[in-house]
């Protein structure tokens, strides 16, 4: 999960990447620009290559990748947003074996 804090900056960077792609056909470019303006996940997809995220992970090969977004209200005081052991956060006091 990630939080887009500056949607305009994300969209602008994606539009720059699309404009710089000299091999993209004009029809595809127009479609890509419209998609990036509508959806943050489309903008992210033009800036982040999923293959780069796992290239150094042994035994893993990317078969398929997709992005999606959902607007949510973030409330740091809400119990819903607290990380727990399943999220990869461990209480150091409980793990004295290290």
PDB file of N, CA and C in Angstrom:
ATOM      1  N   UNK A   1       0.843  -1.152   0.000  1.00  0.00           N
ATOM      2  CA  UNK A   1       0.000   0.000   0.000  1.00  0.00           C
ATOM      3  C   UNK A   1       0.898   1.227   0.000  1.00  0.00           C
ATOM      4  N   UNK A   2       0.458   2.229  -0.701  1.00  0.00           N
ATOM      5  CA  UNK A   2       1.176   3.495  -0.676  1.00  0.00           C
ATOM      6  C   UNK A   2       0.178   4.631  -0.669  1.00  0.00           C
ATOM      7  N   UNK A   3       0.627   5.765  -0.225  1.00  0.00           N
ATOM      8  CA  UNK A   3      -0.223   6.941  -0.183  1.00  0.00           C
ATOM      9  C   UNK A   3       0.315   7.962  -1.177  1.00  0.00           C
ATOM     10  N   UNK A   4      -0.534   8.396  -2.079  1.00  0.00           N
ATOM     11  CA  UNK A   4      -0.167   9.452  -3.019  1.00  0.00           C
ATOM     12  C   UNK A   4      -0.432  10.771  -2.313  1.00  0.00           C
ATOM     13  N   UNK A   5       0.636  11.477  -1.997  1.00  0.00           N
ATOM     14  CA  UNK A   5       0.501  12.737  -1.277  1.00  0.00           C
ATOM     15  C   UNK A   5       0.418  13.930  -2.215  1.00  0.00           C
ATOM     16  N   UNK A   6       0.988  13.782  -3.402  1.00  0.00           N
ATOM     17  CA  UNK A   6       0.953  14.874  -4.380  1.00  0.00           C
ATOM     18  C   UNK A   6       0.556  14.298  -5.731  1.00  0.00           C
ATOM     19  N   UNK A   7      -0.748  14.157  -5.938  1.00  0.00           N
ATOM     20  CA  UNK A   7      -1.263  13.547  -7.163  1.00  0.00           C
ATOM     21  C   UNK A   7      -0.815  14.318  -8.405  1.00  0.00           C
ATOM     22  N   UNK A   8      -0.775  15.637  -8.307  1.00  0.00           N
ATOM     23  CA  UNK A   8      -0.353  16.436  -9.467  1.00  0.00           C
ATOM     24  C   UNK A   8       1.092  16.153  -9.845  1.00  0.00           C
ATOM     25  N   UNK A   9       1.950  15.972  -8.858  1.00  0.00           N
ATOM     26  CA  UNK A   9       3.355  15.660  -9.131  1.00  0.00           C
ATOM     27  C   UNK A   9       3.487  14.284  -9.777  1.00  0.00           C
ATOM     28  N   UNK A  10       2.720  13.321  -9.271  1.00  0.00           N
ATOM     29  CA  UNK A  10       2.734  11.974  -9.841  1.00  0.00           C
ATOM     30  C   UNK A  10       2.256  12.001 -11.287  1.00  0.00           C
ATOM     31  N   UNK A  11       1.132  12.668 -11.519  1.00  0.00           N
ATOM     32  CA  UNK A  11       0.579  12.762 -12.872  1.00  0.00           C
ATOM     33  C   UNK A  11       1.548  13.485 -13.797  1.00  0.00           C
ATOM     34  N   UNK A  12       2.128  14.569 -13.330  1.00  0.00           N
ATOM     35  CA  UNK A  12       3.072  15.330 -14.152  1.00  0.00           C
ATOM     36  C   UNK A  12       4.283  14.511 -14.556  1.00  0.00           C
ATOM     37  N   UNK A  13       4.816  13.747 -13.616  1.00  0.00           N
ATOM     38  CA  UNK A  13       5.978  12.902 -13.925  1.00  0.00           C
ATOM     39  C   UNK A  13       5.619  11.831 -14.947  1.00  0.00           C
ATOM     40  N   UNK A  14       4.434  11.259 -14.810  1.00  0.00           N
ATOM     41  CA  UNK A  14       4.002  10.234 -15.777  1.00  0.00           C
ATOM     42  C   UNK A  14       3.801  10.852 -17.153  1.00  0.00           C
ATOM     43  N   UNK A  15       3.209  12.032 -17.216  1.00  0.00           N
ATOM     44  CA  UNK A  15       3.007  12.698 -18.507  1.00  0.00           C
ATOM     45  C   UNK A  15       4.347  13.030 -19.167  1.00  0.00           C
ATOM     46  N   UNK A  16       5.323  13.419 -18.363  1.00  0.00           N
ATOM     47  CA  UNK A  16       6.666  13.679 -18.904  1.00  0.00           C
ATOM     48  C   UNK A  16       7.275  12.405 -19.476  1.00  0.00           C
ATOM     49  N   UNK A  17       7.104  11.289 -18.770  1.00  0.00           N
ATOM     50  CA  UNK A  17       7.638  10.006 -19.243  1.00  0.00           C
ATOM     51  C   UNK A  17       6.988   9.619 -20.568  1.00  0.00           C
ATOM     52  N   UNK A  18       5.680   9.822 -20.670  1.00  0.00           N
ATOM     53  CA  UNK A  18       4.955   9.499 -21.909  1.00  0.00           C
ATOM     54  C   UNK A  18       5.442  10.395 -23.041  1.00  0.00           C
ATOM     55  N   UNK A  19       5.581  11.682 -22.778  1.00  0.00           N
ATOM     56  CA  UNK A  19       6.036  12.638 -23.803  1.00  0.00           C
ATOM     57  C   UNK A  19       7.445  12.307 -24.286  1.00  0.00           C
ATOM     58  N   UNK A  20       8.266  11.771 -23.409  1.00  0.00           N
ATOM     59  CA  UNK A  20       9.654  11.458 -23.761  1.00  0.00           C
ATOM     60  C   UNK A  20       9.798  10.142 -24.520  1.00  0.00           C
ATOM     61  N   UNK A  21       8.744   9.345 -24.574  1.00  0.00           N
ATOM     62  CA  UNK A  21       8.798   8.052 -25.259  1.00  0.00           C
ATOM     63  C   UNK A  21       8.677   8.264 -26.761  1.00  0.00           C
ATOM     64  N   UNK A  22       9.809   8.288 -27.437  1.00  0.00           N
ATOM     65  CA  UNK A  22       9.825   8.579 -28.873  1.00  0.00           C
ATOM     66  C   UNK A  22       9.252   7.452 -29.733  1.00  0.00           C
ATOM     67  N   UNK A  23       9.087   6.280 -29.161  1.00  0.00           N
ATOM     68  CA  UNK A  23       8.581   5.150 -29.931  1.00  0.00           C
ATOM     69  C   UNK A  23       7.077   4.921 -29.761  1.00  0.00           C
ATOM     70  N   UNK A  24       6.430   5.677 -28.890  1.00  0.00           N
ATOM     71  CA  UNK A  24       5.001   5.493 -28.652  1.00  0.00           C
ATOM     72  C   UNK A  24       4.205   6.141 -29.785  1.00  0.00           C
ATOM     73  N   UNK A  25       3.333   5.369 -30.446  1.00  0.00           N
ATOM     74  CA  UNK A  25       2.487   5.944 -31.504  1.00  0.00           C
ATOM     75  C   UNK A  25       1.561   7.028 -30.938  1.00  0.00           C
ATOM     76  N   UNK A  26       1.216   8.014 -31.741  1.00  0.00           N
ATOM     77  CA  UNK A  26       0.428   9.156 -31.289  1.00  0.00           C
ATOM     78  C   UNK A  26      -0.922   8.727 -30.718  1.00  0.00           C
ATOM     79  N   UNK A  27      -1.588   7.763 -31.335  1.00  0.00           N
ATOM     80  CA  UNK A  27      -2.890   7.308 -30.830  1.00  0.00           C
ATOM     81  C   UNK A  27      -2.743   6.695 -29.426  1.00  0.00           C
ATOM     82  N   UNK A  28      -1.711   5.897 -29.253  1.00  0.00           N
ATOM     83  CA  UNK A  28      -1.455   5.296 -27.944  1.00  0.00           C
ATOM     84  C   UNK A  28      -1.074   6.371 -26.926  1.00  0.00           C
ATOM     85  N   UNK A  29      -0.323   7.374 -27.369  1.00  0.00           N
ATOM     86  CA  UNK A  29       0.096   8.460 -26.484  1.00  0.00           C
ATOM     87  C   UNK A  29      -1.129   9.214 -25.950  1.00  0.00           C
ATOM     88  N   UNK A  30      -2.081   9.512 -26.814  1.00  0.00           N
ATOM     89  CA  UNK A  30      -3.291  10.232 -26.398  1.00  0.00           C
ATOM     90  C   UNK A  30      -4.077   9.402 -25.384  1.00  0.00           C
ATOM     91  N   UNK A  31      -4.185   8.106 -25.639  1.00  0.00           N
ATOM     92  CA  UNK A  31      -4.881   7.217 -24.705  1.00  0.00           C
ATOM     93  C   UNK A  31      -4.145   7.158 -23.367  1.00  0.00           C
ATOM     94  N   UNK A  32      -2.828   7.039 -23.404  1.00  0.00           N
ATOM     95  CA  UNK A  32      -2.025   6.960 -22.182  1.00  0.00           C
ATOM     96  C   UNK A  32      -2.140   8.246 -21.364  1.00  0.00           C
ATOM     97  N   UNK A  33      -2.085   9.380 -22.025  1.00  0.00           N
ATOM     98  CA  UNK A  33      -2.195  10.660 -21.322  1.00  0.00           C
ATOM     99  C   UNK A  33      -3.554  10.798 -20.635  1.00  0.00           C
ATOM    100  N   UNK A  34      -4.615  10.397 -21.323  1.00  0.00           N
ATOM    101  CA  UNK A  34      -5.959  10.466 -20.735  1.00  0.00           C
ATOM    102  C   UNK A  34      -6.067   9.536 -19.529  1.00  0.00           C
ATOM    103  N   UNK A  35      -5.520   8.325 -19.637  1.00  0.00           N
ATOM    104  CA  UNK A  35      -5.578   7.353 -18.547  1.00  0.00           C
ATOM    105  C   UNK A  35      -4.810   7.858 -17.331  1.00  0.00           C
ATOM    106  N   UNK A  36      -3.655   8.448 -17.563  1.00  0.00           N
ATOM    107  CA  UNK A  36      -2.814   8.960 -16.479  1.00  0.00           C
ATOM    108  C   UNK A  36      -3.502  10.122 -15.757  1.00  0.00           C
ATOM    109  N   UNK A  37      -4.202  10.945 -16.506  1.00  0.00           N
ATOM    110  CA  UNK A  37      -4.907  12.071 -15.884  1.00  0.00           C
ATOM    111  C   UNK A  37      -6.094  11.608 -15.039  1.00  0.00           C
ATOM    112  N   UNK A  38      -6.674  10.466 -15.390  1.00  0.00           N
ATOM    113  CA  UNK A  38      -7.857   9.948 -14.686  1.00  0.00           C
ATOM    114  C   UNK A  38      -7.538   9.122 -13.453  1.00  0.00           C
ATOM    115  N   UNK A  39      -6.410   8.418 -13.458  1.00  0.00           N
ATOM    116  CA  UNK A  39      -6.189   7.390 -12.441  1.00  0.00           C
ATOM    117  C   UNK A  39      -4.738   7.399 -11.971  1.00  0.00           C
ATOM    118  N   UNK A  40      -4.552   7.559 -10.669  1.00  0.00           N
ATOM    119  CA  UNK A  40      -3.197   7.554 -10.103  1.00  0.00           C
ATOM    120  C   UNK A  40      -2.477   6.239 -10.357  1.00  0.00           C
ATOM    121  N   UNK A  41      -3.205   5.131 -10.399  1.00  0.00           N
ATOM    122  CA  UNK A  41      -2.541   3.846 -10.629  1.00  0.00           C
ATOM    123  C   UNK A  41      -1.974   3.778 -12.043  1.00  0.00           C
ATOM    124  N   UNK A  42      -2.635   4.413 -12.994  1.00  0.00           N
ATOM    125  CA  UNK A  42      -2.093   4.466 -14.357  1.00  0.00           C
ATOM    126  C   UNK A  42      -0.814   5.295 -14.374  1.00  0.00           C
ATOM    127  N   UNK A  43      -0.818   6.406 -13.655  1.00  0.00           N
ATOM    128  CA  UNK A  43       0.390   7.237 -13.576  1.00  0.00           C
ATOM    129  C   UNK A  43       1.529   6.446 -12.951  1.00  0.00           C
ATOM    130  N   UNK A  44       1.234   5.752 -11.884  1.00  0.00           N
ATOM    131  CA  UNK A  44       2.246   4.938 -11.219  1.00  0.00           C
ATOM    132  C   UNK A  44       2.794   3.860 -12.152  1.00  0.00           C
ATOM    133  N   UNK A  45       1.914   3.263 -12.918  1.00  0.00           N
ATOM    134  CA  UNK A  45       2.325   2.198 -13.838  1.00  0.00           C
ATOM    135  C   UNK A  45       3.293   2.697 -14.910  1.00  0.00           C
ATOM    136  N   UNK A  46       3.203   3.968 -15.284  1.00  0.00           N
ATOM    137  CA  UNK A  46       4.142   4.515 -16.265  1.00  0.00           C
ATOM    138  C   UNK A  46       5.492   4.858 -15.648  1.00  0.00           C
ATOM    139  N   UNK A  47       5.549   4.926 -14.319  1.00  0.00           N
ATOM    140  CA  UNK A  47       6.781   5.320 -13.646  1.00  0.00           C
ATOM    141  C   UNK A  47       7.512   4.177 -12.963  1.00  0.00           C
ATOM    142  N   UNK A  48       6.795   3.108 -12.598  1.00  0.00           N
ATOM    143  CA  UNK A  48       7.389   2.006 -11.864  1.00  0.00           C
ATOM    144  C   UNK A  48       7.227   0.724 -12.673  1.00  0.00           C
ATOM    145  N   UNK A  49       8.343   0.083 -12.945  1.00  0.00           N
ATOM    146  CA  UNK A  49       8.329  -1.190 -13.656  1.00  0.00           C
ATOM    147  C   UNK A  49       8.315  -2.314 -12.624  1.00  0.00           C
ATOM    148  N   UNK A  50       7.230  -3.102 -12.568  1.00  0.00           N
ATOM    149  CA  UNK A  50       7.151  -4.170 -11.562  1.00  0.00           C
ATOM    150  C   UNK A  50       8.325  -5.147 -11.626  1.00  0.00           C
ATOM    151  N   UNK A  51       8.877  -5.344 -12.791  1.00  0.00           N
ATOM    152  CA  UNK A  51      10.025  -6.238 -12.933  1.00  0.00           C
ATOM    153  C   UNK A  51      11.208  -5.734 -12.107  1.00  0.00           C
ATOM    154  N   UNK A  52      11.391  -4.415 -12.068  1.00  0.00           N
ATOM    155  CA  UNK A  52      12.485  -3.840 -11.283  1.00  0.00           C
ATOM    156  C   UNK A  52      12.324  -4.116  -9.793  1.00  0.00           C
ATOM    157  N   UNK A  53      11.096  -4.300  -9.346  1.00  0.00           N
ATOM    158  CA  UNK A  53      10.845  -4.532  -7.923  1.00  0.00           C
ATOM    159  C   UNK A  53      11.276  -5.922  -7.467  1.00  0.00           C
ATOM    160  N   UNK A  54      11.304  -6.892  -8.391  1.00  0.00           N
ATOM    161  CA  UNK A  54      11.605  -8.268  -7.982  1.00  0.00           C
ATOM    162  C   UNK A  54      12.818  -8.851  -8.691  1.00  0.00           C
ATOM    163  N   UNK A  55      13.500  -8.073  -9.486  1.00  0.00           N
ATOM    164  CA  UNK A  55      14.599  -8.577 -10.311  1.00  0.00           C
ATOM    165  C   UNK A  55      15.686  -9.276  -9.486  1.00  0.00           C
ATOM    166  N   UNK A  56      15.941  -8.832  -8.272  1.00  0.00           N
ATOM    167  CA  UNK A  56      16.995  -9.411  -7.445  1.00  0.00           C
ATOM    168  C   UNK A  56      16.495 -10.434  -6.428  1.00  0.00           C
ATOM    169  N   UNK A  57      15.229 -10.809  -6.524  1.00  0.00           N
ATOM    170  CA  UNK A  57      14.673 -11.778  -5.586  1.00  0.00           C
ATOM    171  C   UNK A  57      14.890 -13.176  -6.164  1.00  0.00           C
ATOM    172  N   UNK A  58      15.688 -14.010  -5.490  1.00  0.00           N
ATOM    173  CA  UNK A  58      15.983 -15.342  -6.021  1.00  0.00           C
ATOM    174  C   UNK A  58      14.739 -16.221  -6.083  1.00  0.00           C
ATOM    175  N   UNK A  59      14.622 -16.973  -7.156  1.00  0.00           N
ATOM    176  CA  UNK A  59      13.542 -17.940  -7.300  1.00  0.00           C
ATOM    177  C   UNK A  59      12.211 -17.348  -7.687  1.00  0.00           C
ATOM    178  N   UNK A  60      12.172 -16.064  -8.045  1.00  0.00           N
ATOM    179  CA  UNK A  60      10.909 -15.408  -8.371  1.00  0.00           C
ATOM    180  C   UNK A  60      10.964 -14.882  -9.797  1.00  0.00           C
ATOM    181  N   UNK A  61       9.888 -15.129 -10.516  1.00  0.00           N
ATOM    182  CA  UNK A  61       9.749 -14.591 -11.868  1.00  0.00           C
ATOM    183  C   UNK A  61       8.382 -13.939 -11.964  1.00  0.00           C
ATOM    184  N   UNK A  62       8.333 -12.716 -12.439  1.00  0.00           N
ATOM    185  CA  UNK A  62       7.075 -12.002 -12.552  1.00  0.00           C
ATOM    186  C   UNK A  62       6.259 -12.591 -13.700  1.00  0.00           C
ATOM    187  N   UNK A  63       5.069 -13.060 -13.381  1.00  0.00           N
ATOM    188  CA  UNK A  63       4.186 -13.629 -14.394  1.00  0.00           C
ATOM    189  C   UNK A  63       3.194 -12.584 -14.892  1.00  0.00           C
ATOM    190  N   UNK A  64       2.722 -11.748 -13.978  1.00  0.00           N
ATOM    191  CA  UNK A  64       1.754 -10.721 -14.332  1.00  0.00           C
ATOM    192  C   UNK A  64       1.760  -9.669 -13.241  1.00  0.00           C
ATOM    193  N   UNK A  65       1.509  -8.424 -13.614  1.00  0.00           N
ATOM    194  CA  UNK A  65       1.435  -7.355 -12.624  1.00  0.00           C
ATOM    195  C   UNK A  65       0.278  -6.436 -12.989  1.00  0.00           C
ATOM    196  N   UNK A  66      -0.341  -5.884 -11.977  1.00  0.00           N
ATOM    197  CA  UNK A  66      -1.398  -4.906 -12.208  1.00  0.00           C
ATOM    198  C   UNK A  66      -1.406  -3.907 -11.058  1.00  0.00           C
ATOM    199  N   UNK A  67      -1.977  -2.770 -11.314  1.00  0.00           N
ATOM    200  CA  UNK A  67      -2.085  -1.721 -10.315  1.00  0.00           C
ATOM    201  C   UNK A  67      -3.555  -1.397 -10.141  1.00  0.00           C
ATOM    202  N   UNK A  68      -3.917  -1.016  -8.959  1.00  0.00           N
ATOM    203  CA  UNK A  68      -5.267  -0.510  -8.732  1.00  0.00           C
ATOM    204  C   UNK A  68      -5.197   0.550  -7.646  1.00  0.00           C
ATOM    205  N   UNK A  69      -6.188   1.413  -7.624  1.00  0.00           N
ATOM    206  CA  UNK A  69      -6.236   2.440  -6.596  1.00  0.00           C
ATOM    207  C   UNK A  69      -7.612   2.457  -5.967  1.00  0.00           C
ATOM    208  N   UNK A  70      -7.639   2.963  -4.775  1.00  0.00           N
ATOM    209  CA  UNK A  70      -8.886   3.142  -4.058  1.00  0.00           C
ATOM    210  C   UNK A  70      -8.708   4.351  -3.157  1.00  0.00           C
ATOM    211  N   UNK A  71      -9.626   5.257  -3.221  1.00  0.00           N
ATOM    212  CA  UNK A  71      -9.564   6.422  -2.348  1.00  0.00           C
ATOM    213  C   UNK A  71     -10.113   6.049  -0.987  1.00  0.00           C
ATOM    214  N   UNK A  72      -9.350   6.350   0.048  1.00  0.00           N
ATOM    215  CA  UNK A  72      -9.775   6.098   1.417  1.00  0.00           C
ATOM    216  C   UNK A  72      -9.418   7.296   2.274  1.00  0.00           C
ATOM    217  N   UNK A  73     -10.170   7.484   3.314  1.00  0.00           N
ATOM    218  CA  UNK A  73      -9.858   8.538   4.276  1.00  0.00           C
ATOM    219  C   UNK A  73      -8.890   7.953   5.301  1.00  0.00           C
ATOM    220  N   UNK A  74      -7.754   8.568   5.456  1.00  0.00           N
ATOM    221  CA  UNK A  74      -6.757   8.097   6.413  1.00  0.00           C
ATOM    222  C   UNK A  74      -6.949   8.811   7.734  1.00  0.00           C
ATOM    223  N   UNK A  75      -7.131   8.030   8.776  1.00  0.00           N
ATOM    224  CA  UNK A  75      -7.254   8.562  10.124  1.00  0.00           C
ATOM    225  C   UNK A  75      -6.203   7.871  10.987  1.00  0.00           C
ATOM    226  N   UNK A  76      -5.104   8.549  11.287  1.00  0.00           N
ATOM    227  CA  UNK A  76      -4.025   7.901  12.039  1.00  0.00           C
ATOM    228  C   UNK A  76      -4.447   7.443  13.429  1.00  0.00           C
ATOM    229  N   UNK A  77      -5.549   7.956  13.948  1.00  0.00           N
ATOM    230  CA  UNK A  77      -6.034   7.567  15.273  1.00  0.00           C
ATOM    231  C   UNK A  77      -6.881   6.300  15.234  1.00  0.00           C
ATOM    232  N   UNK A  78      -7.303   5.908  14.060  1.00  0.00           N
ATOM    233  CA  UNK A  78      -8.187   4.756  13.923  1.00  0.00           C
ATOM    234  C   UNK A  78      -7.431   3.447  14.124  1.00  0.00           C
ATOM    235  N   UNK A  79      -8.055   2.498  14.835  1.00  0.00           N
ATOM    236  CA  UNK A  79      -7.463   1.172  15.041  1.00  0.00           C
ATOM    237  C   UNK A  79      -7.256   0.455  13.702  1.00  0.00           C
ATOM    238  N   UNK A  80      -8.069   0.793  12.724  1.00  0.00           N
ATOM    239  CA  UNK A  80      -7.986   0.166  11.407  1.00  0.00           C
ATOM    240  C   UNK A  80      -6.612   0.354  10.763  1.00  0.00           C
ATOM    241  N   UNK A  81      -5.933   1.432  11.089  1.00  0.00           N
ATOM    242  CA  UNK A  81      -4.653   1.754  10.459  1.00  0.00           C
ATOM    243  C   UNK A  81      -3.445   1.294  11.258  1.00  0.00           C
ATOM    244  N   UNK A  82      -3.659   0.648  12.391  1.00  0.00           N
ATOM    245  CA  UNK A  82      -2.536   0.167  13.181  1.00  0.00           C
ATOM    246  C   UNK A  82      -1.931  -1.072  12.544  1.00  0.00           C
ATOM    247  N   UNK A  83      -0.613  -1.096  12.444  1.00  0.00           N
ATOM    248  CA  UNK A  83       0.083  -2.251  11.901  1.00  0.00           C
ATOM    249  C   UNK A  83       0.168  -3.328  12.969  1.00  0.00           C
ATOM    250  N   UNK A  84       0.161  -4.574  12.519  1.00  0.00           N
ATOM    251  CA  UNK A  84       0.312  -5.668  13.464  1.00  0.00           C
ATOM    252  C   UNK A  84       1.326  -6.663  12.921  1.00  0.00           C
ATOM    253  N   UNK A  85       1.458  -7.779  13.578  1.00  0.00           N
ATOM    254  CA  UNK A  85       2.457  -8.786  13.210  1.00  0.00           C
ATOM    255  C   UNK A  85       2.299  -9.250  11.764  1.00  0.00           C
ATOM    256  N   UNK A  86       1.068  -9.353  11.288  1.00  0.00           N
ATOM    257  CA  UNK A  86       0.823  -9.792   9.913  1.00  0.00           C
ATOM    258  C   UNK A  86       1.335  -8.790   8.898  1.00  0.00           C
ATOM    259  N   UNK A  87       1.476  -7.528   9.301  1.00  0.00           N
ATOM    260  CA  UNK A  87       1.972  -6.494   8.403  1.00  0.00           C
ATOM    261  C   UNK A  87       3.489  -6.408   8.391  1.00  0.00           C
ATOM    262  N   UNK A  88       4.138  -7.288   9.148  1.00  0.00           N
ATOM    263  CA  UNK A  88       5.592  -7.301   9.159  1.00  0.00           C
ATOM    264  C   UNK A  88       6.206  -6.469  10.256  1.00  0.00           C
ATOM    265  N   UNK A  89       5.414  -5.975  11.177  1.00  0.00           N
ATOM    266  CA  UNK A  89       5.925  -5.191  12.291  1.00  0.00           C
ATOM    267  C   UNK A  89       5.896  -6.091  13.519  1.00  0.00           C
ATOM    268  N   UNK A  90       7.042  -6.258  14.144  1.00  0.00           N
ATOM    269  CA  UNK A  90       7.141  -7.140  15.289  1.00  0.00           C
ATOM    270  C   UNK A  90       7.569  -6.344  16.513  1.00  0.00           C
ATOM    271  N   UNK A  91       7.022  -6.695  17.644  1.00  0.00           N
ATOM    272  CA  UNK A  91       7.391  -6.066  18.903  1.00  0.00           C
ATOM    273  C   UNK A  91       8.745  -6.624  19.330  1.00  0.00           C
ATOM    274  N   UNK A  92       9.756  -5.778  19.428  1.00  0.00           N
ATOM    275  CA  UNK A  92      11.112  -6.227  19.753  1.00  0.00           C
ATOM    276  C   UNK A  92      11.174  -6.861  21.130  1.00  0.00           C
ATOM    277  N   UNK A  93      10.308  -6.466  22.050  1.00  0.00           N
ATOM    278  CA  UNK A  93      10.293  -7.022  23.389  1.00  0.00           C
ATOM    279  C   UNK A  93       9.887  -8.489  23.368  1.00  0.00           C
ATOM    280  N   UNK A  94       9.016  -8.869  22.409  1.00  0.00           N
ATOM    281  CA  UNK A  94       8.562 -10.253  22.316  1.00  0.00           C
ATOM    282  C   UNK A  94       9.602 -11.143  21.662  1.00  0.00           C
ATOM    283  N   UNK A  95      10.500 -10.573  20.855  1.00  0.00           N
ATOM    284  CA  UNK A  95      11.483 -11.355  20.123  1.00  0.00           C
ATOM    285  C   UNK A  95      12.860 -11.147  20.741  1.00  0.00           C
ATOM    286  N   UNK A  96      13.117 -11.806  21.873  1.00  0.00           N
ATOM    287  CA  UNK A  96      14.401 -11.680  22.555  1.00  0.00           C
ATOM    288  C   UNK A  96      15.407 -12.714  22.072  1.00  0.00           C
ATOM    289  N   UNK A  97      15.045 -13.534  21.084  1.00  0.00           N
ATOM    290  CA  UNK A  97      15.909 -14.600  20.610  1.00  0.00           C
ATOM    291  C   UNK A  97      17.052 -14.109  19.742  1.00  0.00           C
ATOM    292  N   UNK A  98      16.990 -12.888  19.266  1.00  0.00           N
ATOM    293  CA  UNK A  98      17.998 -12.370  18.344  1.00  0.00           C
ATOM    294  C   UNK A  98      19.255 -11.949  19.049  1.00  0.00           C
TER     295      UNK A  98
END
